[in-house]
């Protein structure tokens, strides 16, 4: 049914909805409150947008304060970027949120096989 709705509303071949460009998912994990720093750093090198997920760290190393166990609250920032922006994006993010900073950040990238729904991909699809 979804495929029928797509075919009725958009004129494209089945595989045309997937981008053939190379993308990577840049993921940064920072202490809660530093996600804006990550997004601003990424924006400074030409990336746009991102997804924020609230997370709780799990580690064998436990921190205690007055007998209470403390688990740091983190934010996961995910940014889908084209290959040519990956290194500059990661450098920009890490320069403001490295692990030695108050943000206690880390950043890594993972390959992405297929992408559909990117803003620039809609230019390739003609509406009926």
PDB file of N, CA and C in Angstrom:
ATOM      1  N   UNK A   1       0.810  -1.188   0.000  1.00  0.00           N
ATOM      2  CA  UNK A   1       0.000   0.000   0.000  1.00  0.00           C
ATOM      3  C   UNK A   1       0.861   1.263   0.000  1.00  0.00           C
ATOM      4  N   UNK A   2       1.931   1.270   0.794  1.00  0.00           N
ATOM      5  CA  UNK A   2       2.818   2.432   0.830  1.00  0.00           C
ATOM      6  C   UNK A   2       3.439   2.649  -0.543  1.00  0.00           C
ATOM      7  N   UNK A   3       3.867   1.568  -1.172  1.00  0.00           N
ATOM      8  CA  UNK A   3       4.477   1.676  -2.497  1.00  0.00           C
ATOM      9  C   UNK A   3       3.471   2.255  -3.487  1.00  0.00           C
ATOM     10  N   UNK A   4       2.197   1.826  -3.408  1.00  0.00           N
ATOM     11  CA  UNK A   4       1.169   2.358  -4.301  1.00  0.00           C
ATOM     12  C   UNK A   4       0.971   3.851  -4.073  1.00  0.00           C
ATOM     13  N   UNK A   5       0.946   4.277  -2.815  1.00  0.00           N
ATOM     14  CA  UNK A   5       0.801   5.699  -2.518  1.00  0.00           C
ATOM     15  C   UNK A   5       1.965   6.494  -3.060  1.00  0.00           C
ATOM     16  N   UNK A   6       3.171   5.965  -2.920  1.00  0.00           N
ATOM     17  CA  UNK A   6       4.336   6.658  -3.452  1.00  0.00           C
ATOM     18  C   UNK A   6       4.238   6.793  -4.962  1.00  0.00           C
ATOM     19  N   UNK A   7       3.866   5.702  -5.621  1.00  0.00           N
ATOM     20  CA  UNK A   7       3.788   5.731  -7.080  1.00  0.00           C
ATOM     21  C   UNK A   7       2.672   6.655  -7.568  1.00  0.00           C
ATOM     22  N   UNK A   8       1.604   6.795  -6.811  1.00  0.00           N
ATOM     23  CA  UNK A   8       0.525   7.689  -7.214  1.00  0.00           C
ATOM     24  C   UNK A   8       0.898   9.159  -7.038  1.00  0.00           C
ATOM     25  N   UNK A   9       1.727   9.469  -6.051  1.00  0.00           N
ATOM     26  CA  UNK A   9       2.040  10.855  -5.735  1.00  0.00           C
ATOM     27  C   UNK A   9       3.321  11.365  -6.373  1.00  0.00           C
ATOM     28  N   UNK A  10       4.269  10.515  -6.659  1.00  0.00           N
ATOM     29  CA  UNK A  10       5.554  10.946  -7.179  1.00  0.00           C
ATOM     30  C   UNK A  10       5.914  10.158  -8.427  1.00  0.00           C
ATOM     31  N   UNK A  11       6.553  10.829  -9.357  1.00  0.00           N
ATOM     32  CA  UNK A  11       6.981  10.161 -10.584  1.00  0.00           C
ATOM     33  C   UNK A  11       8.469   9.856 -10.473  1.00  0.00           C
ATOM     34  N   UNK A  12       8.819   8.608 -10.129  1.00  0.00           N
ATOM     35  CA  UNK A  12      10.218   8.208 -10.049  1.00  0.00           C
ATOM     36  C   UNK A  12      10.311   6.695 -10.161  1.00  0.00           C
ATOM     37  N   UNK A  13      11.481   6.249 -10.546  1.00  0.00           N
ATOM     38  CA  UNK A  13      11.740   4.819 -10.562  1.00  0.00           C
ATOM     39  C   UNK A  13      11.946   4.365  -9.119  1.00  0.00           C
ATOM     40  N   UNK A  14      11.738   3.092  -8.861  1.00  0.00           N
ATOM     41  CA  UNK A  14      11.798   2.573  -7.499  1.00  0.00           C
ATOM     42  C   UNK A  14      13.101   2.918  -6.791  1.00  0.00           C
ATOM     43  N   UNK A  15      14.243   2.807  -7.460  1.00  0.00           N
ATOM     44  CA  UNK A  15      15.529   3.058  -6.827  1.00  0.00           C
ATOM     45  C   UNK A  15      15.902   4.536  -6.787  1.00  0.00           C
ATOM     46  N   UNK A  16      15.139   5.408  -7.418  1.00  0.00           N
ATOM     47  CA  UNK A  16      15.479   6.829  -7.463  1.00  0.00           C
ATOM     48  C   UNK A  16      15.297   7.549  -6.136  1.00  0.00           C
ATOM     49  N   UNK A  17      14.581   6.961  -5.207  1.00  0.00           N
ATOM     50  CA  UNK A  17      14.399   7.651  -3.927  1.00  0.00           C
ATOM     51  C   UNK A  17      15.636   7.549  -3.049  1.00  0.00           C
ATOM     52  N   UNK A  18      16.557   6.658  -3.393  1.00  0.00           N
ATOM     53  CA  UNK A  18      17.778   6.497  -2.613  1.00  0.00           C
ATOM     54  C   UNK A  18      18.903   7.300  -3.239  1.00  0.00           C
ATOM     55  N   UNK A  19      19.596   8.075  -2.430  1.00  0.00           N
ATOM     56  CA  UNK A  19      20.689   8.909  -2.904  1.00  0.00           C
ATOM     57  C   UNK A  19      21.884   8.048  -3.264  1.00  0.00           C
ATOM     58  N   UNK A  20      22.518   8.393  -4.359  1.00  0.00           N
ATOM     59  CA  UNK A  20      23.722   7.672  -4.767  1.00  0.00           C
ATOM     60  C   UNK A  20      24.972   8.364  -4.229  1.00  0.00           C
ATOM     61  N   UNK A  21      24.806   9.518  -3.582  1.00  0.00           N
ATOM     62  CA  UNK A  21      25.950  10.213  -3.014  1.00  0.00           C
ATOM     63  C   UNK A  21      26.427   9.481  -1.767  1.00  0.00           C
ATOM     64  N   UNK A  22      27.689   9.683  -1.460  1.00  0.00           N
ATOM     65  CA  UNK A  22      28.271   9.038  -0.289  1.00  0.00           C
ATOM     66  C   UNK A  22      28.042   9.896   0.955  1.00  0.00           C
ATOM     67  N   UNK A  23      27.519   9.283   1.995  1.00  0.00           N
ATOM     68  CA  UNK A  23      27.267   9.951   3.266  1.00  0.00           C
ATOM     69  C   UNK A  23      27.897   9.166   4.409  1.00  0.00           C
ATOM     70  N   UNK A  24      28.158   9.864   5.498  1.00  0.00           N
ATOM     71  CA  UNK A  24      28.551   9.221   6.743  1.00  0.00           C
ATOM     72  C   UNK A  24      27.728   9.854   7.855  1.00  0.00           C
ATOM     73  N   UNK A  25      27.502   9.094   8.892  1.00  0.00           N
ATOM     74  CA  UNK A  25      26.803   9.598  10.060  1.00  0.00           C
ATOM     75  C   UNK A  25      27.858   9.973  11.095  1.00  0.00           C
ATOM     76  N   UNK A  26      27.972  11.276  11.366  1.00  0.00           N
ATOM     77  CA  UNK A  26      28.890  11.755  12.388  1.00  0.00           C
ATOM     78  C   UNK A  26      28.110  11.763  13.703  1.00  0.00           C
ATOM     79  N   UNK A  27      28.650  11.064  14.681  1.00  0.00           N
ATOM     80  CA  UNK A  27      27.991  10.927  15.980  1.00  0.00           C
ATOM     81  C   UNK A  27      28.888  11.530  17.048  1.00  0.00           C
ATOM     82  N   UNK A  28      28.323  12.404  17.839  1.00  0.00           N
ATOM     83  CA  UNK A  28      29.049  12.998  18.949  1.00  0.00           C
ATOM     84  C   UNK A  28      28.277  12.720  20.234  1.00  0.00           C
ATOM     85  N   UNK A  29      29.007  12.366  21.275  1.00  0.00           N
ATOM     86  CA  UNK A  29      28.400  12.144  22.587  1.00  0.00           C
ATOM     87  C   UNK A  29      29.016  13.162  23.530  1.00  0.00           C
ATOM     88  N   UNK A  30      28.184  14.012  24.113  1.00  0.00           N
ATOM     89  CA  UNK A  30      28.659  15.058  25.017  1.00  0.00           C
ATOM     90  C   UNK A  30      27.784  15.103  26.263  1.00  0.00           C
ATOM     91  N   UNK A  31      28.333  15.707  27.312  1.00  0.00           N
ATOM     92  CA  UNK A  31      27.527  15.928  28.504  1.00  0.00           C
ATOM     93  C   UNK A  31      26.338  16.802  28.140  1.00  0.00           C
ATOM     94  N   UNK A  32      25.202  16.523  28.753  1.00  0.00           N
ATOM     95  CA  UNK A  32      23.990  17.304  28.505  1.00  0.00           C
ATOM     96  C   UNK A  32      24.273  18.787  28.729  1.00  0.00           C
ATOM     97  N   UNK A  33      23.782  19.600  27.791  1.00  0.00           N
ATOM     98  CA  UNK A  33      23.998  21.034  27.853  1.00  0.00           C
ATOM     99  C   UNK A  33      25.015  21.529  26.839  1.00  0.00           C
ATOM    100  N   UNK A  34      25.766  20.607  26.224  1.00  0.00           N
ATOM    101  CA  UNK A  34      26.792  20.987  25.256  1.00  0.00           C
ATOM    102  C   UNK A  34      26.397  20.669  23.811  1.00  0.00           C
ATOM    103  N   UNK A  35      25.160  20.208  23.610  1.00  0.00           N
ATOM    104  CA  UNK A  35      24.722  19.839  22.261  1.00  0.00           C
ATOM    105  C   UNK A  35      24.700  21.034  21.306  1.00  0.00           C
ATOM    106  N   UNK A  36      24.396  22.221  21.806  1.00  0.00           N
ATOM    107  CA  UNK A  36      24.390  23.419  20.962  1.00  0.00           C
ATOM    108  C   UNK A  36      25.796  23.716  20.453  1.00  0.00           C
ATOM    109  N   UNK A  37      26.801  23.492  21.292  1.00  0.00           N
ATOM    110  CA  UNK A  37      28.189  23.682  20.866  1.00  0.00           C
ATOM    111  C   UNK A  37      28.532  22.755  19.707  1.00  0.00           C
ATOM    112  N   UNK A  38      28.063  21.516  19.782  1.00  0.00           N
ATOM    113  CA  UNK A  38      28.306  20.549  18.714  1.00  0.00           C
ATOM    114  C   UNK A  38      27.659  21.026  17.413  1.00  0.00           C
ATOM    115  N   UNK A  39      26.388  21.400  17.481  1.00  0.00           N
ATOM    116  CA  UNK A  39      25.668  21.828  16.277  1.00  0.00           C
ATOM    117  C   UNK A  39      26.262  23.093  15.676  1.00  0.00           C
ATOM    118  N   UNK A  40      26.669  24.043  16.524  1.00  0.00           N
ATOM    119  CA  UNK A  40      27.282  25.274  16.010  1.00  0.00           C
ATOM    120  C   UNK A  40      28.632  25.000  15.362  1.00  0.00           C
ATOM    121  N   UNK A  41      29.422  24.120  15.949  1.00  0.00           N
ATOM    122  CA  UNK A  41      30.717  23.758  15.366  1.00  0.00           C
ATOM    123  C   UNK A  41      30.524  23.093  14.007  1.00  0.00           C
ATOM    124  N   UNK A  42      29.560  22.180  13.929  1.00  0.00           N
ATOM    125  CA  UNK A  42      29.291  21.495  12.660  1.00  0.00           C
ATOM    126  C   UNK A  42      28.786  22.480  11.605  1.00  0.00           C
ATOM    127  N   UNK A  43      27.931  23.392  12.017  1.00  0.00           N
ATOM    128  CA  UNK A  43      27.398  24.393  11.090  1.00  0.00           C
ATOM    129  C   UNK A  43      28.507  25.293  10.541  1.00  0.00           C
ATOM    130  N   UNK A  44      29.523  25.562  11.349  1.00  0.00           N
ATOM    131  CA  UNK A  44      30.612  26.446  10.934  1.00  0.00           C
ATOM    132  C   UNK A  44      31.403  25.905   9.749  1.00  0.00           C
ATOM    133  N   UNK A  45      31.323  24.595   9.501  1.00  0.00           N
ATOM    134  CA  UNK A  45      32.036  24.008   8.365  1.00  0.00           C
ATOM    135  C   UNK A  45      31.099  23.578   7.239  1.00  0.00           C
ATOM    136  N   UNK A  46      29.807  23.936   7.348  1.00  0.00           N
ATOM    137  CA  UNK A  46      28.898  23.718   6.236  1.00  0.00           C
ATOM    138  C   UNK A  46      27.861  22.632   6.387  1.00  0.00           C
ATOM    139  N   UNK A  47      27.779  21.994   7.529  1.00  0.00           N
ATOM    140  CA  UNK A  47      26.727  20.987   7.704  1.00  0.00           C
ATOM    141  C   UNK A  47      25.440  21.667   8.169  1.00  0.00           C
ATOM    142  N   UNK A  48      24.337  21.001   7.973  1.00  0.00           N
ATOM    143  CA  UNK A  48      23.053  21.570   8.392  1.00  0.00           C
ATOM    144  C   UNK A  48      22.252  20.520   9.130  1.00  0.00           C
ATOM    145  N   UNK A  49      21.660  20.908  10.236  1.00  0.00           N
ATOM    146  CA  UNK A  49      20.748  20.026  10.957  1.00  0.00           C
ATOM    147  C   UNK A  49      21.434  18.931  11.730  1.00  0.00           C
ATOM    148  N   UNK A  50      20.626  18.204  12.458  1.00  0.00           N
ATOM    149  CA  UNK A  50      21.114  17.100  13.264  1.00  0.00           C
ATOM    150  C   UNK A  50      19.982  16.546  14.103  1.00  0.00           C
ATOM    151  N   UNK A  51      20.240  15.423  14.716  1.00  0.00           N
ATOM    152  CA  UNK A  51      19.272  14.766  15.590  1.00  0.00           C
ATOM    153  C   UNK A  51      19.888  14.698  16.980  1.00  0.00           C
ATOM    154  N   UNK A  52      19.113  15.081  17.996  1.00  0.00           N
ATOM    155  CA  UNK A  52      19.576  15.010  19.377  1.00  0.00           C
ATOM    156  C   UNK A  52      18.820  13.909  20.102  1.00  0.00           C
ATOM    157  N   UNK A  53      19.547  13.058  20.801  1.00  0.00           N
ATOM    158  CA  UNK A  53      18.942  11.996  21.602  1.00  0.00           C
ATOM    159  C   UNK A  53      19.505  12.085  23.013  1.00  0.00           C
ATOM    160  N   UNK A  54      18.640  12.063  23.989  1.00  0.00           N
ATOM    161  CA  UNK A  54      19.088  12.064  25.377  1.00  0.00           C
ATOM    162  C   UNK A  54      19.537  10.647  25.731  1.00  0.00           C
ATOM    163  N   UNK A  55      20.658  10.549  26.447  1.00  0.00           N
ATOM    164  CA  UNK A  55      21.230   9.239  26.748  1.00  0.00           C
ATOM    165  C   UNK A  55      21.781   9.211  28.165  1.00  0.00           C
ATOM    166  N   UNK A  56      21.907   8.017  28.684  1.00  0.00           N
ATOM    167  CA  UNK A  56      22.519   7.833  29.997  1.00  0.00           C
ATOM    168  C   UNK A  56      23.688   6.881  29.831  1.00  0.00           C
ATOM    169  N   UNK A  57      24.861   7.292  30.310  1.00  0.00           N
ATOM    170  CA  UNK A  57      26.052   6.465  30.190  1.00  0.00           C
ATOM    171  C   UNK A  57      26.002   5.254  31.104  1.00  0.00           C
ATOM    172  N   UNK A  58      26.581   4.171  30.645  1.00  0.00           N
ATOM    173  CA  UNK A  58      26.684   2.954  31.442  1.00  0.00           C
ATOM    174  C   UNK A  58      28.159   2.570  31.447  1.00  0.00           C
ATOM    175  N   UNK A  59      28.723   2.438  32.618  1.00  0.00           N
ATOM    176  CA  UNK A  59      30.147   2.145  32.722  1.00  0.00           C
ATOM    177  C   UNK A  59      30.413   1.333  33.974  1.00  0.00           C
ATOM    178  N   UNK A  60      31.514   0.592  33.965  1.00  0.00           N
ATOM    179  CA  UNK A  60      31.921  -0.134  35.167  1.00  0.00           C
ATOM    180  C   UNK A  60      32.488   0.825  36.197  1.00  0.00           C
ATOM    181  N   UNK A  61      32.973   1.985  35.716  1.00  0.00           N
ATOM    182  CA  UNK A  61      33.509   2.997  36.629  1.00  0.00           C
ATOM    183  C   UNK A  61      32.344   3.772  37.210  1.00  0.00           C
ATOM    184  N   UNK A  62      32.152   3.677  38.499  1.00  0.00           N
ATOM    185  CA  UNK A  62      31.031   4.363  39.137  1.00  0.00           C
ATOM    186  C   UNK A  62      31.554   5.556  39.916  1.00  0.00           C
ATOM    187  N   UNK A  63      30.837   6.661  39.803  1.00  0.00           N
ATOM    188  CA  UNK A  63      31.176   7.852  40.563  1.00  0.00           C
ATOM    189  C   UNK A  63      30.159   7.975  41.683  1.00  0.00           C
ATOM    190  N   UNK A  64      30.656   8.275  42.846  1.00  0.00           N
ATOM    191  CA  UNK A  64      29.784   8.413  44.007  1.00  0.00           C
ATOM    192  C   UNK A  64      29.935   9.798  44.619  1.00  0.00           C
ATOM    193  N   UNK A  65      28.832  10.307  45.117  1.00  0.00           N
ATOM    194  CA  UNK A  65      28.839  11.569  45.834  1.00  0.00           C
ATOM    195  C   UNK A  65      27.998  11.374  47.079  1.00  0.00           C
ATOM    196  N   UNK A  66      28.639  11.466  48.231  1.00  0.00           N
ATOM    197  CA  UNK A  66      27.956  11.283  49.515  1.00  0.00           C
ATOM    198  C   UNK A  66      27.149   9.981  49.554  1.00  0.00           C
ATOM    199  N   UNK A  67      27.735   8.929  48.996  1.00  0.00           N
ATOM    200  CA  UNK A  67      27.096   7.627  49.049  1.00  0.00           C
ATOM    201  C   UNK A  67      26.103   7.345  47.931  1.00  0.00           C
ATOM    202  N   UNK A  68      25.808   8.348  47.083  1.00  0.00           N
ATOM    203  CA  UNK A  68      24.873   8.154  45.977  1.00  0.00           C
ATOM    204  C   UNK A  68      25.650   7.905  44.688  1.00  0.00           C
ATOM    205  N   UNK A  69      25.192   6.954  43.895  1.00  0.00           N
ATOM    206  CA  UNK A  69      25.797   6.683  42.607  1.00  0.00           C
ATOM    207  C   UNK A  69      25.340   7.735  41.596  1.00  0.00           C
ATOM    208  N   UNK A  70      26.284   8.259  40.829  1.00  0.00           N
ATOM    209  CA  UNK A  70      25.961   9.287  39.838  1.00  0.00           C
ATOM    210  C   UNK A  70      26.245   8.746  38.448  1.00  0.00           C
ATOM    211  N   UNK A  71      25.256   8.737  37.590  1.00  0.00           N
ATOM    212  CA  UNK A  71      25.426   8.384  36.183  1.00  0.00           C
ATOM    213  C   UNK A  71      25.296   9.656  35.365  1.00  0.00           C
ATOM    214  N   UNK A  72      26.318   9.993  34.571  1.00  0.00           N
ATOM    215  CA  UNK A  72      26.244  11.237  33.802  1.00  0.00           C
ATOM    216  C   UNK A  72      25.152  11.185  32.738  1.00  0.00           C
ATOM    217  N   UNK A  73      24.453  12.296  32.590  1.00  0.00           N
ATOM    218  CA  UNK A  73      23.450  12.436  31.540  1.00  0.00           C
ATOM    219  C   UNK A  73      24.153  12.975  30.299  1.00  0.00           C
ATOM    220  N   UNK A  74      23.932  12.350  29.166  1.00  0.00           N
ATOM    221  CA  UNK A  74      24.604  12.720  27.933  1.00  0.00           C
ATOM    222  C   UNK A  74      23.594  13.037  26.841  1.00  0.00           C
ATOM    223  N   UNK A  75      24.097  13.670  25.808  1.00  0.00           N
ATOM    224  CA  UNK A  75      23.314  13.884  24.604  1.00  0.00           C
ATOM    225  C   UNK A  75      24.081  13.286  23.437  1.00  0.00           C
ATOM    226  N   UNK A  76      23.375  12.538  22.629  1.00  0.00           N
ATOM    227  CA  UNK A  76      23.920  11.966  21.405  1.00  0.00           C
ATOM    228  C   UNK A  76      23.493  12.895  20.275  1.00  0.00           C
ATOM    229  N   UNK A  77      24.457  13.425  19.540  1.00  0.00           N
ATOM    230  CA  UNK A  77      24.165  14.302  18.403  1.00  0.00           C
ATOM    231  C   UNK A  77      24.553  13.555  17.139  1.00  0.00           C
ATOM    232  N   UNK A  78      23.573  13.339  16.259  1.00  0.00           N
ATOM    233  CA  UNK A  78      23.824  12.622  15.012  1.00  0.00           C
ATOM    234  C   UNK A  78      23.609  13.574  13.841  1.00  0.00           C
ATOM    235  N   UNK A  79      24.625  13.641  12.963  1.00  0.00           N
ATOM    236  CA  UNK A  79      24.573  14.533  11.813  1.00  0.00           C
ATOM    237  C   UNK A  79      24.951  13.738  10.578  1.00  0.00           C
ATOM    238  N   UNK A  80      24.070  13.701   9.601  1.00  0.00           N
ATOM    239  CA  UNK A  80      24.339  13.010   8.351  1.00  0.00           C
ATOM    240  C   UNK A  80      25.037  13.990   7.419  1.00  0.00           C
ATOM    241  N   UNK A  81      26.271  13.665   7.018  1.00  0.00           N
ATOM    242  CA  UNK A  81      27.046  14.589   6.198  1.00  0.00           C
ATOM    243  C   UNK A  81      27.614  13.889   4.970  1.00  0.00           C
ATOM    244  N   UNK A  82      27.828  14.671   3.924  1.00  0.00           N
ATOM    245  CA  UNK A  82      28.476  14.137   2.724  1.00  0.00           C
ATOM    246  C   UNK A  82      29.942  13.863   3.044  1.00  0.00           C
ATOM    247  N   UNK A  83      30.508  12.895   2.330  1.00  0.00           N
ATOM    248  CA  UNK A  83      31.875  12.444   2.604  1.00  0.00           C
ATOM    249  C   UNK A  83      32.889  13.581   2.689  1.00  0.00           C
ATOM    250  N   UNK A  84      32.792  14.539   1.796  1.00  0.00           N
ATOM    251  CA  UNK A  84      33.823  15.585   1.749  1.00  0.00           C
ATOM    252  C   UNK A  84      33.788  16.509   2.974  1.00  0.00           C
ATOM    253  N   UNK A  85      32.732  16.439   3.788  1.00  0.00           N
ATOM    254  CA  UNK A  85      32.633  17.272   4.989  1.00  0.00           C
ATOM    255  C   UNK A  85      32.914  16.522   6.290  1.00  0.00           C
ATOM    256  N   UNK A  86      33.150  15.222   6.204  1.00  0.00           N
ATOM    257  CA  UNK A  86      33.258  14.403   7.417  1.00  0.00           C
ATOM    258  C   UNK A  86      34.428  14.828   8.296  1.00  0.00           C
ATOM    259  N   UNK A  87      35.627  14.906   7.746  1.00  0.00           N
ATOM    260  CA  UNK A  87      36.806  15.203   8.563  1.00  0.00           C
ATOM    261  C   UNK A  87      36.720  16.612   9.149  1.00  0.00           C
ATOM    262  N   UNK A  88      36.340  17.594   8.339  1.00  0.00           N
ATOM    263  CA  UNK A  88      36.256  18.960   8.855  1.00  0.00           C
ATOM    264  C   UNK A  88      35.161  19.081   9.922  1.00  0.00           C
ATOM    265  N   UNK A  89      34.070  18.352   9.756  1.00  0.00           N
ATOM    266  CA  UNK A  89      32.996  18.358  10.755  1.00  0.00           C
ATOM    267  C   UNK A  89      33.482  17.752  12.063  1.00  0.00           C
ATOM    268  N   UNK A  90      34.155  16.620  11.988  1.00  0.00           N
ATOM    269  CA  UNK A  90      34.650  15.962  13.192  1.00  0.00           C
ATOM    270  C   UNK A  90      35.685  16.822  13.909  1.00  0.00           C
ATOM    271  N   UNK A  91      36.585  17.442  13.153  1.00  0.00           N
ATOM    272  CA  UNK A  91      37.604  18.306  13.764  1.00  0.00           C
ATOM    273  C   UNK A  91      36.956  19.495  14.461  1.00  0.00           C
ATOM    274  N   UNK A  92      35.981  20.109  13.802  1.00  0.00           N
ATOM    275  CA  UNK A  92      35.305  21.271  14.387  1.00  0.00           C
ATOM    276  C   UNK A  92      34.593  20.895  15.676  1.00  0.00           C
ATOM    277  N   UNK A  93      33.905  19.760  15.673  1.00  0.00           N
ATOM    278  CA  UNK A  93      33.187  19.310  16.873  1.00  0.00           C
ATOM    279  C   UNK A  93      34.174  19.003  17.998  1.00  0.00           C
ATOM    280  N   UNK A  94      35.204  18.248  17.687  1.00  0.00           N
ATOM    281  CA  UNK A  94      36.132  17.835  18.735  1.00  0.00           C
ATOM    282  C   UNK A  94      36.939  19.004  19.285  1.00  0.00           C
ATOM    283  N   UNK A  95      37.151  20.026  18.480  1.00  0.00           N
ATOM    284  CA  UNK A  95      37.915  21.185  18.960  1.00  0.00           C
ATOM    285  C   UNK A  95      37.192  21.936  20.077  1.00  0.00           C
ATOM    286  N   UNK A  96      35.870  21.825  20.125  1.00  0.00           N
ATOM    287  CA  UNK A  96      35.118  22.531  21.177  1.00  0.00           C
ATOM    288  C   UNK A  96      34.543  21.600  22.253  1.00  0.00           C
ATOM    289  N   UNK A  97      34.572  20.288  22.009  1.00  0.00           N
ATOM    290  CA  UNK A  97      33.962  19.367  22.983  1.00  0.00           C
ATOM    291  C   UNK A  97      34.830  18.147  23.272  1.00  0.00           C
ATOM    292  N   UNK A  98      36.150  18.296  23.235  1.00  0.00           N
ATOM    293  CA  UNK A  98      36.993  17.117  23.425  1.00  0.00           C
ATOM    294  C   UNK A  98      36.815  16.526  24.824  1.00  0.00           C
ATOM    295  N   UNK A  99      37.358  15.336  25.015  1.00  0.00           N
ATOM    296  CA  UNK A  99      37.137  14.604  26.268  1.00  0.00           C
ATOM    297  C   UNK A  99      37.751  15.311  27.469  1.00  0.00           C
ATOM    298  N   UNK A 100      38.765  16.134  27.241  1.00  0.00           N
ATOM    299  CA  UNK A 100      39.403  16.853  28.346  1.00  0.00           C
ATOM    300  C   UNK A 100      38.632  18.112  28.730  1.00  0.00           C
ATOM    301  N   UNK A 101      37.668  18.516  27.902  1.00  0.00           N
ATOM    302  CA  UNK A 101      36.872  19.709  28.193  1.00  0.00           C
ATOM    303  C   UNK A 101      35.737  19.359  29.158  1.00  0.00           C
ATOM    304  N   UNK A 102      35.018  20.377  29.563  1.00  0.00           N
ATOM    305  CA  UNK A 102      33.868  20.167  30.449  1.00  0.00           C
ATOM    306  C   UNK A 102      32.776  19.333  29.766  1.00  0.00           C
ATOM    307  N   UNK A 103      32.746  19.382  28.434  1.00  0.00           N
ATOM    308  CA  UNK A 103      31.741  18.629  27.669  1.00  0.00           C
ATOM    309  C   UNK A 103      31.994  17.128  27.703  1.00  0.00           C
ATOM    310  N   UNK A 104      33.224  16.730  27.997  1.00  0.00           N
ATOM    311  CA  UNK A 104      33.605  15.305  28.035  1.00  0.00           C
ATOM    312  C   UNK A 104      33.162  14.585  26.765  1.00  0.00           C
ATOM    313  N   UNK A 105      33.421  15.206  25.608  1.00  0.00           N
ATOM    314  CA  UNK A 105      32.883  14.701  24.355  1.00  0.00           C
ATOM    315  C   UNK A 105      33.747  13.698  23.632  1.00  0.00           C
ATOM    316  N   UNK A 106      33.105  12.994  22.761  1.00  0.00           N
ATOM    317  CA  UNK A 106      33.773  12.123  21.794  1.00  0.00           C
ATOM    318  C   UNK A 106      33.011  12.221  20.492  1.00  0.00           C
ATOM    319  N   UNK A 107      33.678  11.925  19.398  1.00  0.00           N
ATOM    320  CA  UNK A 107      33.034  12.000  18.088  1.00  0.00           C
ATOM    321  C   UNK A 107      33.571  10.864  17.215  1.00  0.00           C
ATOM    322  N   UNK A 108      32.682  10.271  16.427  1.00  0.00           N
ATOM    323  CA  UNK A 108      33.086   9.223  15.495  1.00  0.00           C
ATOM    324  C   UNK A 108      32.145   9.253  14.296  1.00  0.00           C
ATOM    325  N   UNK A 109      32.533   8.571  13.239  1.00  0.00           N
ATOM    326  CA  UNK A 109      31.712   8.521  12.026  1.00  0.00           C
ATOM    327  C   UNK A 109      31.504   7.075  11.612  1.00  0.00           C
ATOM    328  N   UNK A 110      30.319   6.795  11.103  1.00  0.00           N
ATOM    329  CA  UNK A 110      30.007   5.456  10.598  1.00  0.00           C
ATOM    330  C   UNK A 110      29.493   5.576   9.171  1.00  0.00           C
ATOM    331  N   UNK A 111      29.818   4.611   8.328  1.00  0.00           N
ATOM    332  CA  UNK A 111      29.342   4.676   6.942  1.00  0.00           C
ATOM    333  C   UNK A 111      27.832   4.475   6.858  1.00  0.00           C
ATOM    334  N   UNK A 112      27.247   5.066   5.843  1.00  0.00           N
ATOM    335  CA  UNK A 112      25.808   4.949   5.586  1.00  0.00           C
ATOM    336  C   UNK A 112      25.643   4.375   4.183  1.00  0.00           C
ATOM    337  N   UNK A 113      24.885   3.302   4.066  1.00  0.00           N
ATOM    338  CA  UNK A 113      24.729   2.636   2.772  1.00  0.00           C
ATOM    339  C   UNK A 113      23.773   3.353   1.836  1.00  0.00           C
ATOM    340  N   UNK A 114      22.584   3.660   2.318  1.00  0.00           N
ATOM    341  CA  UNK A 114      21.566   4.296   1.485  1.00  0.00           C
ATOM    342  C   UNK A 114      20.914   5.435   2.248  1.00  0.00           C
ATOM    343  N   UNK A 115      20.506   6.467   1.528  1.00  0.00           N
ATOM    344  CA  UNK A 115      19.846   7.616   2.146  1.00  0.00           C
ATOM    345  C   UNK A 115      18.630   7.985   1.309  1.00  0.00           C
ATOM    346  N   UNK A 116      17.509   8.190   1.963  1.00  0.00           N
ATOM    347  CA  UNK A 116      16.310   8.704   1.303  1.00  0.00           C
ATOM    348  C   UNK A 116      15.746   9.797   2.195  1.00  0.00           C
ATOM    349  N   UNK A 117      15.215  10.832   1.575  1.00  0.00           N
ATOM    350  CA  UNK A 117      14.570  11.881   2.341  1.00  0.00           C
ATOM    351  C   UNK A 117      15.440  13.071   2.652  1.00  0.00           C
ATOM    352  N   UNK A 118      16.627  13.131   2.088  1.00  0.00           N
ATOM    353  CA  UNK A 118      17.465  14.313   2.310  1.00  0.00           C
ATOM    354  C   UNK A 118      16.878  15.479   1.531  1.00  0.00           C
ATOM    355  N   UNK A 119      16.968  16.665   2.082  1.00  0.00           N
ATOM    356  CA  UNK A 119      16.368  17.867   1.498  1.00  0.00           C
ATOM    357  C   UNK A 119      16.785  18.074   0.044  1.00  0.00           C
ATOM    358  N   UNK A 120      18.077  17.899  -0.260  1.00  0.00           N
ATOM    359  CA  UNK A 120      18.534  18.123  -1.627  1.00  0.00           C
ATOM    360  C   UNK A 120      18.104  17.021  -2.584  1.00  0.00           C
ATOM    361  N   UNK A 121      17.672  15.871  -2.069  1.00  0.00           N
ATOM    362  CA  UNK A 121      17.209  14.791  -2.934  1.00  0.00           C
ATOM    363  C   UNK A 121      15.853  15.097  -3.560  1.00  0.00           C
ATOM    364  N   UNK A 122      15.048  15.936  -2.918  1.00  0.00           N
ATOM    365  CA  UNK A 122      13.730  16.239  -3.439  1.00  0.00           C
ATOM    366  C   UNK A 122      13.796  17.004  -4.747  1.00  0.00           C
ATOM    367  N   UNK A 123      14.912  17.661  -5.020  1.00  0.00           N
ATOM    368  CA  UNK A 123      15.073  18.372  -6.282  1.00  0.00           C
ATOM    369  C   UNK A 123      15.090  17.392  -7.450  1.00  0.00           C
ATOM    370  N   UNK A 124      15.472  16.136  -7.195  1.00  0.00           N
ATOM    371  CA  UNK A 124      15.557  15.143  -8.271  1.00  0.00           C
ATOM    372  C   UNK A 124      14.217  14.503  -8.592  1.00  0.00           C
ATOM    373  N   UNK A 125      13.233  14.648  -7.709  1.00  0.00           N
ATOM    374  CA  UNK A 125      11.952  13.994  -7.895  1.00  0.00           C
ATOM    375  C   UNK A 125      10.935  14.998  -8.441  1.00  0.00           C
ATOM    376  N   UNK A 126      10.332  14.650  -9.538  1.00  0.00           N
ATOM    377  CA  UNK A 126       9.307  15.530 -10.114  1.00  0.00           C
ATOM    378  C   UNK A 126       7.933  15.137  -9.582  1.00  0.00           C
ATOM    379  N   UNK A 127       7.169  16.096  -9.161  1.00  0.00           N
ATOM    380  CA  UNK A 127       5.801  15.831  -8.701  1.00  0.00           C
ATOM    381  C   UNK A 127       4.871  15.721  -9.896  1.00  0.00           C
ATOM    382  N   UNK A 128       3.823  14.903  -9.777  1.00  0.00           N
ATOM    383  CA  UNK A 128       2.832  14.778 -10.856  1.00  0.00           C
ATOM    384  C   UNK A 128       2.102  16.066 -11.096  1.00  0.00           C
TER     385      UNK A 128
END
